[in-house]
Amino acid sequence: MSLLVTHARLITIPAGTDDPGYIDDGWMLVEDGRIAAIGSGTPSVTAEETLDVAGAFVAPGFVSSHSHLFTSGLRGLGVADTLYGWCDSMLGTTAHMTAEQMYWSTLHGSLDFLSHGVTTAYNFTDPLQAWESMVDGKRVGNAPLRTIEYHTRQADGCLDAGIRFVDASGMDVTVGTRGDVFDRFAAEVAHTRTLDPAYALGASIMGQVQWSPDPEAAELEVEAMRRFGVTNQAHFLESPEAIEHQQSKFALYRDAGALGLGLMFGHFIQTTPEIIAEAVAGGASMSWQPASNGRLASGVALVPEMIDSGMRVGVGLDDQACTDVSDPWQNMRMGIYMQRARTKDPLSMMPERMLRLHTLGGAEIMGVDDRVGSLEVGKFADFVVVDPRHPDVGPLWHPVRSYVLAMSPRNLVGVYVGGTLVSDRGVSTNPLAEEASARLHELPAQLVGRGHPH
């Protein structure tokens, strides 16, 4: 199947340059789900179908480099808490959920991301080991394990929703022998690798050294990275509690050799100049979640300084339970405003940079930028159509800047994955969408008596 998109305000975000690749009157040819050609003016090609967007923006689908898609039914919990109290409320609820409930919650969360223009996500699955409250900045590590199906059904939910995703699993290193730890993780990775590789873009580790009581947790994660050929993103230096204890854990990853294997740090807020310098020198990257960091009162990461020092940065929406609305435009604006308020310098975070971080930047740190993150020939045709006239934002003096600063889901006309419409003005085209919504609304009643939101 071929599709020709015409009369578009194209924003391509090409690799290797800071230029956003804006074409005022552009066209794009899609063949078999991938971008076959891009041009300006009158198209030099034809296709089986034509999509005339009549002056709307056409831009890459957003990439969320840090997400927890199973949380779609858990919004509004832990509002008065910082990270660990919020986790007690939110993950204290999922501790009582079944694998099938997690499937529908993940599917719903994935469809929610798609309806807001997010076409690729790094997805942290809820680990097999249930959440425990933090004590002195770490977990005890003796919570029970769930069956492997608890993980595999979350991956299935992403796949059935039609979002592209990297599937991240916790290794739960405090339960069982070392052989048990690797056997469990091997089973999780093996399942991910049976899924359609056009959607399941890779397997990864949900790094848990930050709160693990096991002094060998970093070494085990590094061994798994090497043994299974997977990436690793660690929630790290996020919360303003127990900062010295958190910072002391950096040496565990550094000494285990994780930085040189491309470790991603999620959040990376409570840093020091020395930690940033060592992370950059070692080759680590970071994922920045501005809306989540504000919601949980975690602080503001020194992102401009990190970028200037050579660190690769992506942007994530985190999850619906701490971002509340899966709105990438809101996330971008919060990021811009936070940095400008902190630095008192408007140049510290410009709209063009912010857009790149939430698209190609995220794909780069996830290792999937050869397939997604920009509108370039050969990549998947994942794009959004955004109409600046409905509602009308007035003249587009600087189109790309207006795209970042003045657009919102109200302007989002359509979301396409592989050139196929997956969300039409916020309404999913997925045949499972209605059932996913119904299942999610059943959760509160189902969880009463087994543990419920508080």
Protein backbone atom coordinates (compact mmCIF):
# COMPACT_ATOMS: atom_id res chain seq x y z
CA MET A 1 0.00 0.00 0.00
CA SER A 2 1.26 3.51 -0.78
CA LEU A 3 0.17 6.87 0.62
CA LEU A 4 1.06 10.35 -0.58
CA VAL A 5 0.78 13.16 2.01
CA THR A 6 0.49 16.56 0.33
CA HIS A 7 0.31 20.28 1.19
CA ALA A 8 1.98 19.71 4.55
CA ARG A 9 3.95 21.97 6.83
CA LEU A 10 6.60 19.27 7.22
CA ILE A 11 8.87 19.10 10.28
CA THR A 12 11.30 16.28 9.61
CA ILE A 13 13.89 16.52 12.47
CA PRO A 14 16.80 15.18 10.39
CA ALA A 15 19.71 13.45 12.09
CA GLY A 16 23.13 15.09 12.35
CA THR A 17 21.97 18.71 12.50
CA ASP A 18 20.13 21.09 14.82
CA ASP A 19 17.96 22.27 11.92
CA PRO A 20 14.34 21.10 12.42
CA GLY A 21 14.03 20.36 8.70
CA TYR A 22 10.99 22.56 8.10
CA ILE A 23 9.36 22.52 4.63
CA ASP A 24 6.55 25.03 4.22
CA ASP A 25 4.68 23.18 1.45
CA GLY A 26 5.93 19.61 1.58
CA TRP A 27 4.93 16.14 0.56
CA MET A 28 5.85 12.67 1.78
CA LEU A 29 5.49 9.30 0.07
CA VAL A 30 4.85 6.22 2.20
CA GLU A 31 5.32 2.73 0.78
CA ASP A 32 4.75 -0.46 2.77
CA GLY A 33 4.78 1.41 6.05
CA ARG A 34 8.05 3.27 5.49
CA ILE A 35 8.96 6.69 4.16
CA ALA A 36 9.98 6.35 0.52
CA ALA A 37 10.48 10.00 -0.48
CA ILE A 38 10.10 13.57 0.80
CA GLY A 39 9.95 16.78 -1.20
CA SER A 40 8.54 20.28 -1.50
CA GLY A 41 6.02 21.85 -3.84
CA THR A 42 4.24 19.72 -6.43
CA PRO A 43 4.87 16.01 -5.82
CA SER A 44 6.92 14.18 -8.43
CA VAL A 45 5.35 10.85 -7.46
CA THR A 46 1.92 9.24 -7.19
CA ALA A 47 0.40 6.74 -4.78
CA GLU A 48 -2.63 4.53 -4.31
CA GLU A 49 -4.02 6.96 -1.73
CA THR A 50 -3.55 10.70 -1.22
CA LEU A 51 -3.87 12.55 2.09
CA ASP A 52 -4.16 16.30 1.47
CA VAL A 53 -3.60 17.92 4.86
CA ALA A 54 -4.27 21.41 3.49
CA GLY A 55 -1.55 23.26 5.36
CA ALA A 56 -1.55 21.29 8.60
CA PHE A 57 1.70 20.32 10.29
CA VAL A 58 3.06 16.85 9.62
CA ALA A 59 5.75 15.91 12.12
CA PRO A 60 7.34 12.77 13.58
CA GLY A 61 5.31 10.84 16.11
CA PHE A 62 6.60 11.64 19.57
CA VAL A 63 9.00 9.28 21.31
CA SER A 64 8.73 8.79 25.06
CA SER A 65 12.09 7.52 26.28
CA HIS A 66 10.73 6.71 29.76
CA SER A 67 7.20 5.37 30.28
CA HIS A 68 5.11 3.06 32.47
CA LEU A 69 2.13 2.23 30.29
CA PHE A 70 0.40 -0.03 32.83
CA THR A 71 -0.53 3.01 34.97
CA SER A 72 -3.35 4.35 32.81
CA GLY A 73 -6.01 3.46 35.38
CA LEU A 74 -4.13 4.91 38.37
CA ARG A 75 -4.35 8.67 37.87
CA GLY A 76 -5.00 10.87 40.86
CA LEU A 77 -3.20 8.70 43.43
CA GLY A 78 -0.52 9.97 45.81
CA VAL A 79 -1.11 13.60 44.92
CA ALA A 80 0.17 14.88 48.26
CA ASP A 81 3.35 12.77 48.15
CA THR A 82 6.81 12.81 46.66
CA LEU A 83 8.16 9.78 44.80
CA TYR A 84 8.16 7.03 47.42
CA GLY A 85 4.82 7.90 48.99
CA TRP A 86 3.33 8.13 45.52
CA CYS A 87 4.84 4.71 44.72
CA ASP A 88 3.27 3.27 47.88
CA SER A 89 -0.12 4.48 46.67
CA MET A 90 0.20 3.60 42.99
CA LEU A 91 2.34 0.45 43.06
CA GLY A 92 0.70 -0.64 46.28
CA THR A 93 -2.41 -0.94 44.12
CA THR A 94 -0.80 -2.86 41.25
CA ALA A 95 0.56 -5.32 43.82
CA HIS A 96 -2.97 -6.72 43.93
CA MET A 97 -3.59 -6.83 40.17
CA THR A 98 -3.61 -9.95 38.03
CA ALA A 99 -1.70 -10.54 34.81
CA GLU A 100 -4.90 -10.10 32.81
CA GLN A 101 -5.72 -6.82 34.52
CA MET A 102 -2.20 -5.64 33.73
CA TYR A 103 -2.71 -6.59 30.09
CA TRP A 104 -5.79 -4.39 29.74
CA SER A 105 -4.23 -1.55 31.74
CA THR A 106 -1.14 -1.60 29.51
CA LEU A 107 -3.21 -1.80 26.34
CA HIS A 108 -5.31 1.16 27.51
CA GLY A 109 -2.18 3.14 28.40
CA SER A 110 -0.64 2.40 25.01
CA LEU A 111 -3.78 3.53 23.18
CA ASP A 112 -3.81 6.65 25.35
CA PHE A 113 -0.25 7.46 24.27
CA LEU A 114 -1.15 6.91 20.62
CA SER A 115 -4.20 9.16 20.89
CA HIS A 116 -1.87 11.96 22.03
CA GLY A 117 0.65 11.47 19.22
CA VAL A 118 3.20 9.27 21.00
CA THR A 119 4.04 6.45 18.59
CA THR A 120 7.11 4.93 20.30
CA ALA A 121 7.70 4.33 24.01
CA TYR A 122 10.40 2.90 26.23
CA ASN A 123 8.08 0.92 28.50
CA PHE A 124 8.96 -0.12 32.04
CA THR A 125 6.78 -3.08 32.90
CA ASP A 126 5.65 -3.51 36.49
CA PRO A 127 8.23 -6.00 37.85
CA LEU A 128 7.52 -9.55 38.92
CA GLN A 129 8.51 -8.61 42.46
CA ALA A 130 5.74 -6.52 44.02
CA TRP A 131 6.48 -3.07 45.40
CA GLU A 132 7.56 -2.58 49.01
CA SER A 133 7.73 0.66 50.94
CA MET A 134 11.15 2.30 51.06
CA VAL A 135 13.10 2.25 54.32
CA ASP A 136 16.10 4.61 54.57
CA GLY A 137 16.12 5.02 50.80
CA LYS A 138 16.02 1.33 49.88
CA ARG A 139 13.67 -1.62 49.75
CA VAL A 140 13.94 -4.67 51.98
CA GLY A 141 13.81 -6.93 48.92
CA ASN A 142 11.67 -9.79 50.24
CA ALA A 143 8.34 -9.16 48.50
CA PRO A 144 6.86 -12.18 46.71
CA LEU A 145 7.29 -12.85 42.99
CA ARG A 146 4.50 -13.12 40.46
CA THR A 147 4.54 -15.56 37.55
CA ILE A 148 6.28 -14.77 34.25
CA GLU A 149 2.86 -14.18 32.67
CA TYR A 150 2.62 -10.97 34.69
CA HIS A 151 5.37 -9.54 32.49
CA THR A 152 4.50 -11.18 29.18
CA ARG A 153 0.92 -9.94 29.26
CA GLN A 154 2.15 -6.36 29.64
CA ALA A 155 4.30 -6.78 26.52
CA ASP A 156 1.31 -8.30 24.74
CA GLY A 157 -0.75 -5.24 25.65
CA CYS A 158 1.73 -2.92 23.94
CA LEU A 159 1.80 -5.12 20.86
CA ASP A 160 -1.97 -5.40 20.58
CA ALA A 161 -2.34 -1.64 20.93
CA GLY A 162 -0.04 -1.08 17.95
CA ILE A 163 2.49 1.18 19.64
CA ARG A 164 6.20 0.67 18.95
CA PHE A 165 8.02 -0.07 22.19
CA VAL A 166 11.18 -1.15 23.94
CA ASP A 167 10.21 -3.67 26.62
CA ALA A 168 11.99 -3.16 29.96
CA SER A 169 11.96 -5.77 32.75
CA GLY A 170 13.20 -5.60 36.31
CA MET A 171 15.65 -8.34 37.28
CA ASP A 172 14.41 -8.68 40.87
CA VAL A 173 17.91 -9.65 42.02
CA THR A 174 16.98 -10.15 45.69
CA VAL A 175 14.72 -13.16 45.07
CA GLY A 176 16.17 -16.62 44.52
CA THR A 177 19.64 -17.75 43.48
CA ARG A 178 21.70 -15.94 40.84
CA GLY A 179 20.68 -18.68 38.45
CA ASP A 180 17.02 -17.98 39.22
CA VAL A 181 17.52 -14.28 38.51
CA PHE A 182 19.00 -14.90 35.07
CA ASP A 183 16.49 -17.64 34.21
CA ARG A 184 13.58 -15.29 34.93
CA PHE A 185 15.09 -12.47 32.93
CA ALA A 186 15.93 -14.81 30.05
CA ALA A 187 12.28 -15.89 29.88
CA GLU A 188 11.12 -12.27 29.76
CA VAL A 189 13.58 -11.36 27.00
CA ALA A 190 12.72 -14.51 25.05
CA HIS A 191 9.03 -13.58 25.02
CA THR A 192 9.74 -10.05 23.84
CA ARG A 193 11.84 -11.41 21.00
CA THR A 194 8.98 -13.60 19.77
CA LEU A 195 6.86 -10.50 19.13
CA ASP A 196 6.68 -8.64 15.82
CA PRO A 197 10.01 -6.76 15.60
CA ALA A 198 8.33 -3.92 13.73
CA TYR A 199 6.63 -3.07 17.03
CA ALA A 200 8.71 -4.75 19.75
CA LEU A 201 11.87 -2.76 18.99
CA GLY A 202 14.02 -4.38 21.67
CA ALA A 203 14.35 -5.69 25.21
CA SER A 204 15.91 -3.79 28.09
CA ILE A 205 16.58 -3.87 31.82
CA MET A 206 14.66 -1.73 34.27
CA GLY A 207 17.68 -0.78 36.35
CA GLN A 208 16.88 -1.12 40.05
CA VAL A 209 20.21 -0.37 41.75
CA GLN A 210 18.83 2.91 43.12
CA TRP A 211 16.57 1.12 45.62
CA SER A 212 18.02 -2.40 45.71
CA PRO A 213 19.58 -3.60 48.99
CA ASP A 214 21.78 -6.07 47.03
CA PRO A 215 25.35 -4.68 46.73
CA GLU A 216 25.89 -6.80 43.60
CA ALA A 217 22.79 -5.54 41.75
CA ALA A 218 24.80 -3.37 39.33
CA GLU A 219 27.18 -6.22 38.49
CA LEU A 220 24.28 -8.56 37.80
CA GLU A 221 22.60 -6.02 35.53
CA VAL A 222 25.84 -5.49 33.62
CA GLU A 223 26.28 -9.23 33.22
CA ALA A 224 22.74 -9.42 31.82
CA MET A 225 23.42 -6.52 29.42
CA ARG A 226 26.37 -8.43 28.03
CA ARG A 227 24.84 -11.90 28.10
CA PHE A 228 21.54 -10.96 26.44
CA GLY A 229 22.63 -7.96 24.37
CA VAL A 230 20.10 -5.61 25.97
CA THR A 231 20.09 -1.99 27.07
CA ASN A 232 19.44 -0.71 30.61
CA GLN A 233 17.64 2.35 31.93
CA ALA A 234 17.89 2.99 35.65
CA HIS A 235 15.64 5.26 37.67
CA PHE A 236 18.41 7.25 39.31
CA LEU A 237 18.88 10.33 41.49
CA GLU A 238 15.21 11.19 41.13
CA SER A 239 13.79 11.94 44.55
CA PRO A 240 14.97 14.69 46.94
CA GLU A 241 15.09 12.22 49.87
CA ALA A 242 18.23 10.38 51.00
CA ILE A 243 20.33 12.19 48.42
CA GLU A 244 23.75 11.15 49.75
CA HIS A 245 22.67 7.51 49.79
CA GLN A 246 21.40 7.81 46.23
CA GLN A 247 24.59 9.48 45.02
CA SER A 248 26.70 6.76 46.60
CA LYS A 249 25.07 4.23 44.27
CA PHE A 250 26.56 5.89 41.18
CA ALA A 251 29.91 4.25 41.91
CA LEU A 252 28.25 0.83 41.74
CA TYR A 253 27.21 1.34 38.13
CA ARG A 254 30.49 3.04 37.22
CA ASP A 255 32.69 0.35 38.74
CA ALA A 256 30.61 -2.46 37.22
CA GLY A 257 31.23 -1.06 33.72
CA ALA A 258 27.62 -0.07 32.98
CA LEU A 259 28.44 3.40 31.63
CA GLY A 260 30.47 2.07 28.74
CA LEU A 261 27.62 -0.23 27.74
CA GLY A 262 25.33 2.73 27.13
CA LEU A 263 23.46 2.93 30.44
CA MET A 264 20.54 5.38 30.43
CA PHE A 265 19.82 7.32 33.61
CA GLY A 266 16.13 8.08 34.09
CA HIS A 267 15.51 11.47 35.78
CA PHE A 268 19.11 12.15 36.93
CA ILE A 269 18.15 15.19 39.02
CA GLN A 270 20.10 15.01 42.30
CA THR A 271 23.47 15.04 40.57
CA THR A 272 26.85 16.61 41.26
CA PRO A 273 29.24 18.10 38.70
CA GLU A 274 31.51 15.12 39.27
CA ILE A 275 28.74 12.58 38.63
CA ILE A 276 27.69 14.36 35.43
CA ALA A 277 31.28 14.51 34.19
CA GLU A 278 31.91 10.82 34.90
CA ALA A 279 28.61 9.82 33.29
CA VAL A 280 29.45 11.75 30.12
CA ALA A 281 33.01 10.45 29.98
CA GLY A 282 31.73 6.89 30.40
CA GLY A 283 29.17 7.20 27.60
CA ALA A 284 25.92 7.21 29.60
CA SER A 285 22.80 9.10 28.53
CA MET A 286 19.74 10.39 30.38
CA SER A 287 15.98 10.56 29.96
CA TRP A 288 14.27 13.72 31.21
CA GLN A 289 10.64 13.73 32.41
CA PRO A 290 9.77 17.38 33.12
CA ALA A 291 6.03 17.01 33.83
CA SER A 292 6.59 14.05 36.14
CA ASN A 293 9.45 15.77 37.94
CA GLY A 294 7.18 18.73 38.64
CA ARG A 295 4.19 16.62 39.68
CA LEU A 296 6.25 14.62 42.20
CA ALA A 297 8.22 17.65 43.46
CA SER A 298 11.42 15.88 42.45
CA GLY A 299 13.29 18.93 41.18
CA VAL A 300 14.72 20.15 37.88
CA ALA A 301 17.48 18.24 36.09
CA LEU A 302 20.42 20.29 34.77
CA VAL A 303 19.61 19.35 31.20
CA PRO A 304 21.22 22.27 29.31
CA GLU A 305 24.44 21.78 31.23
CA MET A 306 24.35 18.04 30.55
CA ILE A 307 23.84 18.60 26.83
CA ASP A 308 26.62 21.19 26.73
CA SER A 309 28.94 18.68 28.39
CA GLY A 310 28.21 16.12 25.67
CA MET A 311 25.49 13.97 27.22
CA ARG A 312 22.82 12.51 24.95
CA VAL A 313 19.33 13.33 26.24
CA GLY A 314 15.85 12.09 25.44
CA VAL A 315 12.49 13.09 26.87
CA GLY A 316 9.83 10.84 28.37
CA LEU A 317 6.22 11.33 29.42
CA ASP A 318 6.76 8.90 32.32
CA ASP A 319 3.30 7.57 33.11
CA GLN A 320 -0.32 8.57 33.31
CA ALA A 321 -0.24 8.30 37.10
CA CYS A 322 2.35 11.09 37.47
CA THR A 323 1.89 13.07 34.26
CA ASP A 324 -1.90 12.79 34.42
CA VAL A 325 -2.47 13.73 30.77
CA SER A 326 -0.31 12.04 28.13
CA ASP A 327 0.26 15.36 26.39
CA PRO A 328 3.70 15.72 24.77
CA TRP A 329 3.13 19.40 24.04
CA GLN A 330 2.42 20.05 27.71
CA ASN A 331 5.55 18.04 28.56
CA MET A 332 7.66 20.10 26.15
CA ARG A 333 6.36 23.42 27.43
CA MET A 334 6.90 22.41 31.05
CA GLY A 335 10.45 21.46 30.19
CA ILE A 336 11.12 24.77 28.47
CA TYR A 337 9.55 26.81 31.24
CA MET A 338 11.31 24.91 34.05
CA GLN A 339 14.74 25.40 32.52
CA ARG A 340 14.16 29.07 31.70
CA ALA A 341 12.87 29.76 35.20
CA ARG A 342 15.87 27.99 36.69
CA THR A 343 18.54 29.60 34.49
CA LYS A 344 16.80 32.93 33.83
CA ASP A 345 18.05 32.48 30.26
CA PRO A 346 15.57 31.90 27.40
CA LEU A 347 18.35 30.37 25.30
CA SER A 348 18.84 27.58 27.83
CA MET A 349 15.94 25.66 26.27
CA MET A 350 14.61 26.69 22.88
CA PRO A 351 11.54 25.08 21.27
CA GLU A 352 13.52 23.52 18.43
CA ARG A 353 15.80 21.72 20.87
CA MET A 354 12.90 20.58 23.02
CA LEU A 355 11.10 19.07 20.03
CA ARG A 356 14.22 17.20 18.97
CA LEU A 357 14.64 15.78 22.49
CA HIS A 358 11.05 14.47 22.49
CA THR A 359 11.44 12.79 19.10
CA LEU A 360 14.83 11.87 17.68
CA GLY A 361 16.67 12.45 20.97
CA GLY A 362 14.56 9.83 22.69
CA ALA A 363 15.03 7.39 19.83
CA GLU A 364 18.79 7.92 19.94
CA ILE A 365 19.26 7.07 23.61
CA MET A 366 16.96 4.04 23.19
CA GLY A 367 19.05 2.82 20.24
CA VAL A 368 16.12 2.81 17.81
CA ASP A 369 16.86 6.00 15.84
CA ASP A 370 17.53 3.94 12.72
CA ARG A 371 13.80 3.19 12.63
CA VAL A 372 11.87 5.99 14.37
CA GLY A 373 12.17 9.54 15.71
CA SER A 374 12.30 11.56 12.50
CA LEU A 375 10.73 11.75 9.06
CA GLU A 376 13.55 10.41 6.90
CA VAL A 377 13.62 8.04 3.96
CA GLY A 378 13.77 4.43 5.09
CA LYS A 379 12.28 4.96 8.54
CA PHE A 380 8.84 3.87 9.66
CA ALA A 381 6.15 6.33 8.57
CA ASP A 382 5.06 7.28 12.08
CA PHE A 383 3.68 10.81 12.04
CA VAL A 384 1.11 13.22 13.42
CA VAL A 385 -1.13 15.65 11.54
CA VAL A 386 -1.67 18.82 13.56
CA ASP A 387 -3.94 21.64 12.34
CA PRO A 388 -2.98 25.13 13.62
CA ARG A 389 -6.36 26.52 12.50
CA HIS A 390 -8.60 24.30 14.65
CA PRO A 391 -8.45 25.96 17.08
CA ASP A 392 -6.86 28.85 15.26
CA VAL A 393 -3.60 30.09 16.78
CA GLY A 394 -3.18 32.98 14.37
CA PRO A 395 -0.27 33.70 12.01
CA LEU A 396 2.66 31.30 12.14
CA TRP A 397 5.52 33.77 12.40
CA HIS A 398 7.89 30.96 13.36
CA PRO A 399 6.11 27.72 12.39
CA VAL A 400 8.28 25.23 14.30
CA ARG A 401 8.21 27.37 17.44
CA SER A 402 4.44 27.71 17.15
CA TYR A 403 4.20 23.94 16.73
CA VAL A 404 5.90 23.44 20.10
CA LEU A 405 4.48 26.39 22.03
CA ALA A 406 0.94 26.80 20.69
CA MET A 407 -0.23 23.33 19.66
CA SER A 408 -2.04 20.85 21.91
CA PRO A 409 -4.09 17.66 21.54
CA ARG A 410 -6.98 19.91 20.49
CA ASN A 411 -5.11 20.49 17.22
CA LEU A 412 -4.23 16.83 16.71
CA VAL A 413 -6.15 15.63 13.65
CA GLY A 414 -4.62 12.21 13.13
CA VAL A 415 -1.89 9.85 14.31
CA TYR A 416 -0.32 7.41 11.86
CA VAL A 417 1.87 4.39 12.59
CA GLY A 418 3.47 2.90 9.51
CA GLY A 419 1.29 5.14 7.38
CA THR A 420 -1.90 3.70 8.92
CA LEU A 421 -4.36 5.88 10.85
CA VAL A 422 -4.44 4.73 14.49
CA SER A 423 -6.17 7.71 16.09
CA ASP A 424 -8.69 9.97 14.39
CA ARG A 425 -9.19 13.23 16.31
CA GLY A 426 -8.53 11.44 19.58
CA VAL A 427 -10.62 8.37 18.81
CA SER A 428 -8.73 5.09 18.52
CA THR A 429 -9.22 2.94 15.43
CA ASN A 430 -8.11 -0.13 17.39
CA PRO A 431 -10.90 -2.76 17.66
CA LEU A 432 -9.92 -3.45 21.29
CA ALA A 433 -10.25 0.17 22.44
CA GLU A 434 -13.82 -0.05 23.70
CA GLU A 435 -13.18 -3.22 25.68
CA ALA A 436 -9.96 -1.78 27.14
CA SER A 437 -11.89 1.21 28.43
CA ALA A 438 -14.60 -0.97 29.95
CA ARG A 439 -12.05 -3.25 31.62
CA LEU A 440 -10.17 -0.31 33.10
CA HIS A 441 -13.31 1.13 34.66
CA GLU A 442 -13.99 -2.21 36.33
CA LEU A 443 -10.71 -2.08 38.26
CA PRO A 444 -11.75 -0.15 41.40
CA ALA A 445 -14.60 -2.55 42.18
CA GLN A 446 -12.44 -5.58 41.42
CA LEU A 447 -9.65 -4.43 43.75
CA VAL A 448 -11.83 -3.67 46.77
CA GLY A 449 -10.90 -6.21 49.42
CA ARG A 450 -7.56 -7.01 47.73
CA GLY A 451 -6.01 -3.58 48.25
CA HIS A 452 -7.36 -0.42 46.71
CA PRO A 453 -6.29 3.16 45.89
CA HIS A 454 -5.78 5.48 48.82
